[in-house]
Amino acid sequence: MAKRPKSGDSTLGGKGVMQQIQQLQEQMIKAQEALAEEQVTGSSGGGAVIITLSGDQRVLSVMVDQALITDGDVDLIQDLILTAINQGLEQSRNLAEERLGPLAGQGLPF
């Protein structure tokens, strides 16, 4: 009867796979940390509302043009803020996909 290799046996590549997984985890953590340092913006109303977000989708700042506040159209202001936030979130998701996507595509041998 043939001898069965142990799970940690190098013939199965167990150690190599574990090292690859650990390296991938370390790369992912570094990429996520770098992503958190990047910023994207969403704007609406021709720049009347500008939202700045981090790459890990945290809202960092909200800028509303004084003219909007003076006009006092609350519904318009709310709509513009929502539009700017959603645009910024979309840009943040795209940035995350761009930065983290290559790490997800690294083919591990299993």
PDB file of N, CA and C in Angstrom:
ATOM      1  N   MET A   1       0.846  -1.179   0.000  1.00  0.00           N
ATOM      2  CA  MET A   1       0.000   0.000   0.000  1.00  0.00           C
ATOM      3  C   MET A   1       0.888   1.238   0.000  1.00  0.00           C
ATOM      4  N   ALA A   2       0.514   2.229  -0.774  1.00  0.00           N
ATOM      5  CA  ALA A   2       1.316   3.446  -0.888  1.00  0.00           C
ATOM      6  C   ALA A   2       1.203   4.280   0.373  1.00  0.00           C
ATOM      7  N   LYS A   3       2.317   4.903   0.713  1.00  0.00           N
ATOM      8  CA  LYS A   3       2.357   5.763   1.884  1.00  0.00           C
ATOM      9  C   LYS A   3       1.671   7.086   1.554  1.00  0.00           C
ATOM     10  N   ARG A   4       0.749   7.533   2.422  1.00  0.00           N
ATOM     11  CA  ARG A   4       0.035   8.789   2.209  1.00  0.00           C
ATOM     12  C   ARG A   4       0.872   9.940   2.761  1.00  0.00           C
ATOM     13  N   PRO A   5       1.039  11.001   1.980  1.00  0.00           N
ATOM     14  CA  PRO A   5       1.797  12.135   2.486  1.00  0.00           C
ATOM     15  C   PRO A   5       1.052  12.835   3.623  1.00  0.00           C
ATOM     16  N   LYS A   6       1.793  13.343   4.579  1.00  0.00           N
ATOM     17  CA  LYS A   6       1.203  14.091   5.686  1.00  0.00           C
ATOM     18  C   LYS A   6       0.809  15.478   5.178  1.00  0.00           C
ATOM     19  N   SER A   7      -0.125  16.098   5.876  1.00  0.00           N
ATOM     20  CA  SER A   7      -0.638  17.392   5.414  1.00  0.00           C
ATOM     21  C   SER A   7       0.450  18.460   5.358  1.00  0.00           C
ATOM     22  N   GLY A   8       1.445  18.400   6.203  1.00  0.00           N
ATOM     23  CA  GLY A   8       2.524  19.379   6.174  1.00  0.00           C
ATOM     24  C   GLY A   8       3.680  18.976   5.290  1.00  0.00           C
ATOM     25  N   ASP A   9       3.566  17.824   4.650  1.00  0.00           N
ATOM     26  CA  ASP A   9       4.624  17.283   3.795  1.00  0.00           C
ATOM     27  C   ASP A   9       4.844  18.202   2.601  1.00  0.00           C
ATOM     28  N   SER A  10       6.093  18.458   2.297  1.00  0.00           N
ATOM     29  CA  SER A  10       6.417  19.369   1.203  1.00  0.00           C
ATOM     30  C   SER A  10       5.968  18.832  -0.148  1.00  0.00           C
ATOM     31  N   THR A  11       5.704  17.531  -0.244  1.00  0.00           N
ATOM     32  CA  THR A  11       5.222  16.997  -1.523  1.00  0.00           C
ATOM     33  C   THR A  11       3.838  17.527  -1.844  1.00  0.00           C
ATOM     34  N   LEU A  12       3.109  17.951  -0.832  1.00  0.00           N
ATOM     35  CA  LEU A  12       1.806  18.570  -1.065  1.00  0.00           C
ATOM     36  C   LEU A  12       1.934  20.083  -1.217  1.00  0.00           C
ATOM     37  N   GLY A  13       3.109  20.592  -0.960  1.00  0.00           N
ATOM     38  CA  GLY A  13       3.307  22.031  -1.036  1.00  0.00           C
ATOM     39  C   GLY A  13       2.677  22.759   0.134  1.00  0.00           C
ATOM     40  N   GLY A  14       2.426  22.065   1.224  1.00  0.00           N
ATOM     41  CA  GLY A  14       1.748  22.658   2.378  1.00  0.00           C
ATOM     42  C   GLY A  14       2.446  23.879   2.928  1.00  0.00           C
ATOM     43  N   LYS A  15       3.746  23.779   3.128  1.00  0.00           N
ATOM     44  CA  LYS A  15       4.485  24.919   3.670  1.00  0.00           C
ATOM     45  C   LYS A  15       4.518  26.067   2.676  1.00  0.00           C
ATOM     46  N   GLY A  16       4.700  25.733   1.414  1.00  0.00           N
ATOM     47  CA  GLY A  16       4.736  26.773   0.380  1.00  0.00           C
ATOM     48  C   GLY A  16       3.406  27.498   0.261  1.00  0.00           C
ATOM     49  N   VAL A  17       2.322  26.763   0.350  1.00  0.00           N
ATOM     50  CA  VAL A  17       0.994  27.366   0.267  1.00  0.00           C
ATOM     51  C   VAL A  17       0.759  28.278   1.463  1.00  0.00           C
ATOM     52  N   MET A  18       1.136  27.812   2.639  1.00  0.00           N
ATOM     53  CA  MET A  18       0.952  28.629   3.844  1.00  0.00           C
ATOM     54  C   MET A  18       1.773  29.903   3.769  1.00  0.00           C
ATOM     55  N   GLN A  19       2.980  29.811   3.234  1.00  0.00           N
ATOM     56  CA  GLN A  19       3.809  31.004   3.077  1.00  0.00           C
ATOM     57  C   GLN A  19       3.171  31.970   2.082  1.00  0.00           C
ATOM     58  N   GLN A  20       2.620  31.426   1.009  1.00  0.00           N
ATOM     59  CA  GLN A  20       1.963  32.280   0.016  1.00  0.00           C
ATOM     60  C   GLN A  20       0.752  32.971   0.621  1.00  0.00           C
ATOM     61  N   ILE A  21      -0.011  32.257   1.408  1.00  0.00           N
ATOM     62  CA  ILE A  21      -1.189  32.844   2.052  1.00  0.00           C
ATOM     63  C   ILE A  21      -0.774  33.941   3.014  1.00  0.00           C
ATOM     64  N   GLN A  22       0.264  33.674   3.798  1.00  0.00           N
ATOM     65  CA  GLN A  22       0.742  34.677   4.750  1.00  0.00           C
ATOM     66  C   GLN A  22       1.248  35.916   4.027  1.00  0.00           C
ATOM     67  N   GLN A  23       1.997  35.735   2.941  1.00  0.00           N
ATOM     68  CA  GLN A  23       2.479  36.875   2.165  1.00  0.00           C
ATOM     69  C   GLN A  23       1.322  37.667   1.573  1.00  0.00           C
ATOM     70  N   LEU A  24       0.325  36.965   1.080  1.00  0.00           N
ATOM     71  CA  LEU A  24      -0.843  37.625   0.508  1.00  0.00           C
ATOM     72  C   LEU A  24      -1.582  38.429   1.570  1.00  0.00           C
ATOM     73  N   GLN A  25      -1.714  37.862   2.769  1.00  0.00           N
ATOM     74  CA  GLN A  25      -2.358  38.575   3.870  1.00  0.00           C
ATOM     75  C   GLN A  25      -1.587  39.846   4.223  1.00  0.00           C
ATOM     76  N   GLU A  26      -0.270  39.748   4.269  1.00  0.00           N
ATOM     77  CA  GLU A  26       0.560  40.909   4.592  1.00  0.00           C
ATOM     78  C   GLU A  26       0.430  41.975   3.506  1.00  0.00           C
ATOM     79  N   GLN A  27       0.433  41.552   2.255  1.00  0.00           N
ATOM     80  CA  GLN A  27       0.277  42.497   1.148  1.00  0.00           C
ATOM     81  C   GLN A  27      -1.096  43.168   1.205  1.00  0.00           C
ATOM     82  N   MET A  28      -2.124  42.404   1.523  1.00  0.00           N
ATOM     83  CA  MET A  28      -3.475  42.943   1.606  1.00  0.00           C
ATOM     84  C   MET A  28      -3.575  43.978   2.720  1.00  0.00           C
ATOM     85  N   ILE A  29      -2.984  43.702   3.864  1.00  0.00           N
ATOM     86  CA  ILE A  29      -3.008  44.648   4.986  1.00  0.00           C
ATOM     87  C   ILE A  29      -2.299  45.933   4.602  1.00  0.00           C
ATOM     88  N   LYS A  30      -1.132  45.823   3.975  1.00  0.00           N
ATOM     89  CA  LYS A  30      -0.396  47.015   3.547  1.00  0.00           C
ATOM     90  C   LYS A  30      -1.188  47.813   2.521  1.00  0.00           C
ATOM     91  N   ALA A  31      -1.820  47.119   1.591  1.00  0.00           N
ATOM     92  CA  ALA A  31      -2.608  47.799   0.562  1.00  0.00           C
ATOM     93  C   ALA A  31      -3.816  48.494   1.185  1.00  0.00           C
ATOM     94  N   GLN A  32      -4.453  47.877   2.163  1.00  0.00           N
ATOM     95  CA  GLN A  32      -5.597  48.496   2.829  1.00  0.00           C
ATOM     96  C   GLN A  32      -5.169  49.722   3.633  1.00  0.00           C
ATOM     97  N   GLU A  33      -4.016  49.636   4.283  1.00  0.00           N
ATOM     98  CA  GLU A  33      -3.501  50.784   5.028  1.00  0.00           C
ATOM     99  C   GLU A  33      -3.183  51.938   4.091  1.00  0.00           C
ATOM    100  N   ALA A  34      -2.575  51.631   2.952  1.00  0.00           N
ATOM    101  CA  ALA A  34      -2.262  52.674   1.969  1.00  0.00           C
ATOM    102  C   ALA A  34      -3.545  53.265   1.395  1.00  0.00           C
ATOM    103  N   LEU A  35      -4.529  52.435   1.171  1.00  0.00           N
ATOM    104  CA  LEU A  35      -5.807  52.885   0.635  1.00  0.00           C
ATOM    105  C   LEU A  35      -6.481  53.861   1.596  1.00  0.00           C
ATOM    106  N   ALA A  36      -6.381  53.619   2.879  1.00  0.00           N
ATOM    107  CA  ALA A  36      -6.978  54.495   3.888  1.00  0.00           C
ATOM    108  C   ALA A  36      -6.360  55.888   3.861  1.00  0.00           C
ATOM    109  N   GLU A  37      -5.131  55.995   3.367  1.00  0.00           N
ATOM    110  CA  GLU A  37      -4.443  57.280   3.301  1.00  0.00           C
ATOM    111  C   GLU A  37      -4.813  58.089   2.050  1.00  0.00           C
ATOM    112  N   GLU A  38      -5.398  57.423   1.064  1.00  0.00           N
ATOM    113  CA  GLU A  38      -5.756  58.119  -0.171  1.00  0.00           C
ATOM    114  C   GLU A  38      -7.106  58.813  -0.015  1.00  0.00           C
ATOM    115  N   GLN A  39      -7.332  59.810  -0.870  1.00  0.00           N
ATOM    116  CA  GLN A  39      -8.581  60.564  -0.804  1.00  0.00           C
ATOM    117  C   GLN A  39      -9.208  60.680  -2.180  1.00  0.00           C
ATOM    118  N   VAL A  40     -10.545  60.684  -2.188  1.00  0.00           N
ATOM    119  CA  VAL A  40     -11.313  60.932  -3.398  1.00  0.00           C
ATOM    120  C   VAL A  40     -12.365  61.978  -3.058  1.00  0.00           C
ATOM    121  N   THR A  41     -12.908  62.613  -4.080  1.00  0.00           N
ATOM    122  CA  THR A  41     -13.960  63.593  -3.846  1.00  0.00           C
ATOM    123  C   THR A  41     -15.161  63.293  -4.718  1.00  0.00           C
ATOM    124  N   GLY A  42     -16.305  63.653  -4.196  1.00  0.00           N
ATOM    125  CA  GLY A  42     -17.541  63.627  -4.953  1.00  0.00           C
ATOM    126  C   GLY A  42     -18.088  65.037  -4.926  1.00  0.00           C
ATOM    127  N   SER A  43     -18.639  65.468  -6.029  1.00  0.00           N
ATOM    128  CA  SER A  43     -19.189  66.829  -6.054  1.00  0.00           C
ATOM    129  C   SER A  43     -20.504  66.830  -6.806  1.00  0.00           C
ATOM    130  N   SER A  44     -21.281  67.847  -6.552  1.00  0.00           N
ATOM    131  CA  SER A  44     -22.538  68.027  -7.261  1.00  0.00           C
ATOM    132  C   SER A  44     -22.864  69.507  -7.309  1.00  0.00           C
ATOM    133  N   GLY A  45     -23.835  69.835  -8.144  1.00  0.00           N
ATOM    134  CA  GLY A  45     -24.227  71.242  -8.284  1.00  0.00           C
ATOM    135  C   GLY A  45     -23.116  72.100  -8.835  1.00  0.00           C
ATOM    136  N   GLY A  46     -22.327  71.544  -9.747  1.00  0.00           N
ATOM    137  CA  GLY A  46     -21.224  72.312 -10.326  1.00  0.00           C
ATOM    138  C   GLY A  46     -20.167  72.699  -9.311  1.00  0.00           C
ATOM    139  N   GLY A  47     -19.982  71.856  -8.301  1.00  0.00           N
ATOM    140  CA  GLY A  47     -18.974  72.125  -7.267  1.00  0.00           C
ATOM    141  C   GLY A  47     -19.551  72.858  -6.068  1.00  0.00           C
ATOM    142  N   ALA A  48     -20.866  73.054  -6.037  1.00  0.00           N
ATOM    143  CA  ALA A  48     -21.486  73.725  -4.893  1.00  0.00           C
ATOM    144  C   ALA A  48     -21.417  72.869  -3.636  1.00  0.00           C
ATOM    145  N   VAL A  49     -21.364  71.548  -3.812  1.00  0.00           N
ATOM    146  CA  VAL A  49     -21.190  70.629  -2.694  1.00  0.00           C
ATOM    147  C   VAL A  49     -20.040  69.701  -3.048  1.00  0.00           C
ATOM    148  N   ILE A  50     -19.066  69.627  -2.148  1.00  0.00           N
ATOM    149  CA  ILE A  50     -17.916  68.753  -2.354  1.00  0.00           C
ATOM    150  C   ILE A  50     -17.725  67.911  -1.097  1.00  0.00           C
ATOM    151  N   ILE A  51     -17.686  66.599  -1.303  1.00  0.00           N
ATOM    152  CA  ILE A  51     -17.485  65.649  -0.215  1.00  0.00           C
ATOM    153  C   ILE A  51     -16.129  64.981  -0.436  1.00  0.00           C
ATOM    154  N   THR A  52     -15.288  64.947   0.586  1.00  0.00           N
ATOM    155  CA  THR A  52     -14.001  64.266   0.505  1.00  0.00           C
ATOM    156  C   THR A  52     -14.076  63.007   1.359  1.00  0.00           C
ATOM    157  N   LEU A  53     -13.669  61.884   0.741  1.00  0.00           N
ATOM    158  CA  LEU A  53     -13.681  60.598   1.424  1.00  0.00           C
ATOM    159  C   LEU A  53     -12.297  59.977   1.367  1.00  0.00           C
ATOM    160  N   SER A  54     -12.027  59.119   2.346  1.00  0.00           N
ATOM    161  CA  SER A  54     -10.787  58.349   2.311  1.00  0.00           C
ATOM    162  C   SER A  54     -11.001  57.144   1.415  1.00  0.00           C
ATOM    163  N   GLY A  55      -9.916  56.511   1.052  1.00  0.00           N
ATOM    164  CA  GLY A  55     -10.001  55.320   0.215  1.00  0.00           C
ATOM    165  C   GLY A  55     -10.716  54.163   0.893  1.00  0.00           C
ATOM    166  N   ASP A  56     -10.810  54.210   2.231  1.00  0.00           N
ATOM    167  CA  ASP A  56     -11.553  53.166   2.938  1.00  0.00           C
ATOM    168  C   ASP A  56     -12.959  53.636   3.301  1.00  0.00           C
ATOM    169  N   GLN A  57     -13.454  54.610   2.544  1.00  0.00           N
ATOM    170  CA  GLN A  57     -14.836  55.083   2.551  1.00  0.00           C
ATOM    171  C   GLN A  57     -15.276  55.762   3.833  1.00  0.00           C
ATOM    172  N   ARG A  58     -14.399  56.571   4.387  1.00  0.00           N
ATOM    173  CA  ARG A  58     -14.779  57.415   5.520  1.00  0.00           C
ATOM    174  C   ARG A  58     -14.917  58.839   5.014  1.00  0.00           C
ATOM    175  N   VAL A  59     -16.014  59.493   5.383  1.00  0.00           N
ATOM    176  CA  VAL A  59     -16.218  60.880   4.974  1.00  0.00           C
ATOM    177  C   VAL A  59     -15.277  61.745   5.812  1.00  0.00           C
ATOM    178  N   LEU A  60     -14.428  62.503   5.107  1.00  0.00           N
ATOM    179  CA  LEU A  60     -13.441  63.337   5.786  1.00  0.00           C
ATOM    180  C   LEU A  60     -13.881  64.792   5.892  1.00  0.00           C
ATOM    181  N   SER A  61     -14.591  65.276   4.865  1.00  0.00           N
ATOM    182  CA  SER A  61     -15.064  66.650   4.921  1.00  0.00           C
ATOM    183  C   SER A  61     -16.259  66.852   4.008  1.00  0.00           C
ATOM    184  N   VAL A  62     -17.047  67.854   4.366  1.00  0.00           N
ATOM    185  CA  VAL A  62     -18.211  68.256   3.577  1.00  0.00           C
ATOM    186  C   VAL A  62     -18.104  69.759   3.388  1.00  0.00           C
ATOM    187  N   MET A  63     -18.133  70.202   2.129  1.00  0.00           N
ATOM    188  CA  MET A  63     -18.090  71.633   1.828  1.00  0.00           C
ATOM    189  C   MET A  63     -19.364  71.989   1.073  1.00  0.00           C
ATOM    190  N   VAL A  64     -20.096  72.978   1.611  1.00  0.00           N
ATOM    191  CA  VAL A  64     -21.302  73.457   0.956  1.00  0.00           C
ATOM    192  C   VAL A  64     -21.094  74.940   0.666  1.00  0.00           C
ATOM    193  N   ASP A  65     -21.282  75.322  -0.590  1.00  0.00           N
ATOM    194  CA  ASP A  65     -21.123  76.715  -1.006  1.00  0.00           C
ATOM    195  C   ASP A  65     -22.103  77.594  -0.220  1.00  0.00           C
ATOM    196  N   GLN A  66     -21.615  78.693   0.280  1.00  0.00           N
ATOM    197  CA  GLN A  66     -22.416  79.621   1.081  1.00  0.00           C
ATOM    198  C   GLN A  66     -23.666  80.087   0.332  1.00  0.00           C
ATOM    199  N   ALA A  67     -23.577  80.217  -0.987  1.00  0.00           N
ATOM    200  CA  ALA A  67     -24.722  80.677  -1.776  1.00  0.00           C
ATOM    201  C   ALA A  67     -25.911  79.717  -1.643  1.00  0.00           C
ATOM    202  N   LEU A  68     -25.638  78.424  -1.545  1.00  0.00           N
ATOM    203  CA  LEU A  68     -26.724  77.458  -1.356  1.00  0.00           C
ATOM    204  C   LEU A  68     -27.428  77.673  -0.027  1.00  0.00           C
ATOM    205  N   ILE A  69     -26.654  77.940   0.993  1.00  0.00           N
ATOM    206  CA  ILE A  69     -27.216  78.148   2.323  1.00  0.00           C
ATOM    207  C   ILE A  69     -28.022  79.441   2.354  1.00  0.00           C
ATOM    208  N   THR A  70     -27.512  80.459   1.702  1.00  0.00           N
ATOM    209  CA  THR A  70     -28.194  81.749   1.651  1.00  0.00           C
ATOM    210  C   THR A  70     -29.541  81.621   0.945  1.00  0.00           C
ATOM    211  N   ASP A  71     -29.575  80.824  -0.130  1.00  0.00           N
ATOM    212  CA  ASP A  71     -30.826  80.615  -0.858  1.00  0.00           C
ATOM    213  C   ASP A  71     -31.848  79.873  -0.003  1.00  0.00           C
ATOM    214  N   GLY A  72     -31.372  79.020   0.899  1.00  0.00           N
ATOM    215  CA  GLY A  72     -32.242  78.349   1.855  1.00  0.00           C
ATOM    216  C   GLY A  72     -33.096  77.228   1.298  1.00  0.00           C
ATOM    217  N   ASP A  73     -32.762  76.693   0.136  1.00  0.00           N
ATOM    218  CA  ASP A  73     -33.525  75.583  -0.431  1.00  0.00           C
ATOM    219  C   ASP A  73     -32.997  74.275   0.173  1.00  0.00           C
ATOM    220  N   VAL A  74     -33.576  73.887   1.304  1.00  0.00           N
ATOM    221  CA  VAL A  74     -33.105  72.729   2.057  1.00  0.00           C
ATOM    222  C   VAL A  74     -33.180  71.448   1.228  1.00  0.00           C
ATOM    223  N   ASP A  75     -34.265  71.268   0.496  1.00  0.00           N
ATOM    224  CA  ASP A  75     -34.407  70.054  -0.322  1.00  0.00           C
ATOM    225  C   ASP A  75     -33.292  69.962  -1.354  1.00  0.00           C
ATOM    226  N   LEU A  76     -32.968  71.081  -1.994  1.00  0.00           N
ATOM    227  CA  LEU A  76     -31.891  71.102  -2.985  1.00  0.00           C
ATOM    228  C   LEU A  76     -30.554  70.769  -2.328  1.00  0.00           C
ATOM    229  N   ILE A  77     -30.295  71.374  -1.183  1.00  0.00           N
ATOM    230  CA  ILE A  77     -29.031  71.119  -0.467  1.00  0.00           C
ATOM    231  C   ILE A  77     -28.922  69.637  -0.106  1.00  0.00           C
ATOM    232  N   GLN A  78     -29.984  69.061   0.404  1.00  0.00           N
ATOM    233  CA  GLN A  78     -29.963  67.645   0.784  1.00  0.00           C
ATOM    234  C   GLN A  78     -29.717  66.756  -0.431  1.00  0.00           C
ATOM    235  N   ASP A  79     -30.386  67.059  -1.536  1.00  0.00           N
ATOM    236  CA  ASP A  79     -30.184  66.273  -2.759  1.00  0.00           C
ATOM    237  C   ASP A  79     -28.754  66.379  -3.264  1.00  0.00           C
ATOM    238  N   LEU A  80     -28.197  67.580  -3.224  1.00  0.00           N
ATOM    239  CA  LEU A  80     -26.828  67.774  -3.687  1.00  0.00           C
ATOM    240  C   LEU A  80     -25.831  67.039  -2.787  1.00  0.00           C
ATOM    241  N   ILE A  81     -26.074  67.047  -1.491  1.00  0.00           N
ATOM    242  CA  ILE A  81     -25.190  66.337  -0.560  1.00  0.00           C
ATOM    243  C   ILE A  81     -25.254  64.836  -0.825  1.00  0.00           C
ATOM    244  N   LEU A  82     -26.451  64.294  -0.983  1.00  0.00           N
ATOM    245  CA  LEU A  82     -26.592  62.864  -1.271  1.00  0.00           C
ATOM    246  C   LEU A  82     -25.895  62.483  -2.569  1.00  0.00           C
ATOM    247  N   THR A  83     -26.075  63.303  -3.581  1.00  0.00           N
ATOM    248  CA  THR A  83     -25.443  63.028  -4.871  1.00  0.00           C
ATOM    249  C   THR A  83     -23.925  63.034  -4.745  1.00  0.00           C
ATOM    250  N   ALA A  84     -23.391  64.015  -4.038  1.00  0.00           N
ATOM    251  CA  ALA A  84     -21.936  64.114  -3.864  1.00  0.00           C
ATOM    252  C   ALA A  84     -21.398  62.937  -3.054  1.00  0.00           C
ATOM    253  N   ILE A  85     -22.106  62.532  -2.019  1.00  0.00           N
ATOM    254  CA  ILE A  85     -21.663  61.389  -1.214  1.00  0.00           C
ATOM    255  C   ILE A  85     -21.657  60.123  -2.050  1.00  0.00           C
ATOM    256  N   ASN A  86     -22.731  59.887  -2.776  1.00  0.00           N
ATOM    257  CA  ASN A  86     -22.799  58.683  -3.603  1.00  0.00           C
ATOM    258  C   ASN A  86     -21.719  58.675  -4.680  1.00  0.00           C
ATOM    259  N   GLN A  87     -21.437  59.812  -5.258  1.00  0.00           N
ATOM    260  CA  GLN A  87     -20.372  59.901  -6.256  1.00  0.00           C
ATOM    261  C   GLN A  87     -19.017  59.604  -5.612  1.00  0.00           C
ATOM    262  N   GLY A  88     -18.787  60.157  -4.438  1.00  0.00           N
ATOM    263  CA  GLY A  88     -17.534  59.908  -3.725  1.00  0.00           C
ATOM    264  C   GLY A  88     -17.386  58.447  -3.325  1.00  0.00           C
ATOM    265  N   LEU A  89     -18.469  57.831  -2.869  1.00  0.00           N
ATOM    266  CA  LEU A  89     -18.422  56.412  -2.511  1.00  0.00           C
ATOM    267  C   LEU A  89     -18.103  55.551  -3.728  1.00  0.00           C
ATOM    268  N   GLU A  90     -18.679  55.885  -4.856  1.00  0.00           N
ATOM    269  CA  GLU A  90     -18.401  55.136  -6.080  1.00  0.00           C
ATOM    270  C   GLU A  90     -16.920  55.263  -6.446  1.00  0.00           C
ATOM    271  N   GLN A  91     -16.376  56.467  -6.341  1.00  0.00           N
ATOM    272  CA  GLN A  91     -14.954  56.661  -6.630  1.00  0.00           C
ATOM    273  C   GLN A  91     -14.086  55.895  -5.636  1.00  0.00           C
ATOM    274  N   SER A  92     -14.497  55.872  -4.384  1.00  0.00           N
ATOM    275  CA  SER A  92     -13.745  55.138  -3.361  1.00  0.00           C
ATOM    276  C   SER A  92     -13.773  53.634  -3.647  1.00  0.00           C
ATOM    277  N   ARG A  93     -14.926  53.112  -4.032  1.00  0.00           N
ATOM    278  CA  ARG A  93     -15.021  51.685  -4.374  1.00  0.00           C
ATOM    279  C   ARG A  93     -14.144  51.363  -5.585  1.00  0.00           C
ATOM    280  N   ASN A  94     -14.158  52.237  -6.583  1.00  0.00           N
ATOM    281  CA  ASN A  94     -13.327  52.020  -7.768  1.00  0.00           C
ATOM    282  C   ASN A  94     -11.848  52.029  -7.405  1.00  0.00           C
ATOM    283  N   LEU A  95     -11.458  52.953  -6.532  1.00  0.00           N
ATOM    284  CA  LEU A  95     -10.069  53.033  -6.092  1.00  0.00           C
ATOM    285  C   LEU A  95      -9.679  51.761  -5.342  1.00  0.00           C
ATOM    286  N   ALA A  96     -10.556  51.281  -4.468  1.00  0.00           N
ATOM    287  CA  ALA A  96     -10.274  50.053  -3.714  1.00  0.00           C
ATOM    288  C   ALA A  96     -10.137  48.868  -4.662  1.00  0.00           C
ATOM    289  N   GLU A  97     -11.002  48.790  -5.644  1.00  0.00           N
ATOM    290  CA  GLU A  97     -10.924  47.691  -6.615  1.00  0.00           C
ATOM    291  C   GLU A  97      -9.620  47.759  -7.402  1.00  0.00           C
ATOM    292  N   GLU A  98      -9.231  48.977  -7.748  1.00  0.00           N
ATOM    293  CA  GLU A  98      -7.980  49.170  -8.498  1.00  0.00           C
ATOM    294  C   GLU A  98      -6.766  48.767  -7.671  1.00  0.00           C
ATOM    295  N   ARG A  99      -6.769  49.145  -6.395  1.00  0.00           N
ATOM    296  CA  ARG A  99      -5.613  48.882  -5.535  1.00  0.00           C
ATOM    297  C   ARG A  99      -5.581  47.448  -5.005  1.00  0.00           C
ATOM    298  N   LEU A 100      -6.747  46.908  -4.668  1.00  0.00           N
ATOM    299  CA  LEU A 100      -6.794  45.593  -4.040  1.00  0.00           C
ATOM    300  C   LEU A 100      -7.062  44.472  -5.036  1.00  0.00           C
ATOM    301  N   GLY A 101      -7.582  44.801  -6.184  1.00  0.00           N
ATOM    302  CA  GLY A 101      -7.919  43.808  -7.193  1.00  0.00           C
ATOM    303  C   GLY A 101      -6.755  42.903  -7.593  1.00  0.00           C
ATOM    304  N   PRO A 102      -5.573  43.459  -7.858  1.00  0.00           N
ATOM    305  CA  PRO A 102      -4.457  42.594  -8.227  1.00  0.00           C
ATOM    306  C   PRO A 102      -4.101  41.573  -7.139  1.00  0.00           C
ATOM    307  N   LEU A 103      -4.311  41.918  -5.880  1.00  0.00           N
ATOM    308  CA  LEU A 103      -4.018  40.973  -4.806  1.00  0.00           C
ATOM    309  C   LEU A 103      -5.024  39.835  -4.801  1.00  0.00           C
ATOM    310  N   ALA A 104      -6.264  40.152  -5.109  1.00  0.00           N
ATOM    311  CA  ALA A 104      -7.298  39.115  -5.141  1.00  0.00           C
ATOM    312  C   ALA A 104      -7.105  38.175  -6.317  1.00  0.00           C
ATOM    313  N   GLY A 105      -6.451  38.662  -7.366  1.00  0.00           N
ATOM    314  CA  GLY A 105      -6.274  37.849  -8.560  1.00  0.00           C
ATOM    315  C   GLY A 105      -5.044  36.956  -8.538  1.00  0.00           C
ATOM    316  N   GLN A 106      -4.260  37.003  -7.458  1.00  0.00           N
ATOM    317  CA  GLN A 106      -3.073  36.159  -7.398  1.00  0.00           C
ATOM    318  C   GLN A 106      -3.501  34.716  -7.177  1.00  0.00           C
ATOM    319  N   GLY A 107      -3.252  33.902  -8.177  1.00  0.00           N
ATOM    320  CA  GLY A 107      -3.692  32.520  -8.114  1.00  0.00           C
ATOM    321  C   GLY A 107      -2.887  31.702  -7.120  1.00  0.00           C
ATOM    322  N   LEU A 108      -3.549  31.250  -6.092  1.00  0.00           N
ATOM    323  CA  LEU A 108      -2.897  30.344  -5.140  1.00  0.00           C
ATOM    324  C   LEU A 108      -3.116  28.923  -5.638  1.00  0.00           C
ATOM    325  N   PRO A 109      -2.169  28.054  -5.387  1.00  0.00           N
ATOM    326  CA  PRO A 109      -2.231  26.708  -5.950  1.00  0.00           C
ATOM    327  C   PRO A 109      -3.170  25.752  -5.217  1.00  0.00           C
ATOM    328  N   PHE A 110      -4.416  26.146  -5.032  1.00  0.00           N
ATOM    329  CA  PHE A 110      -5.406  25.218  -4.477  1.00  0.00           C
ATOM    330  C   PHE A 110      -6.754  25.526  -5.012  1.00  0.00           C
TER     331      PHE A 110
END
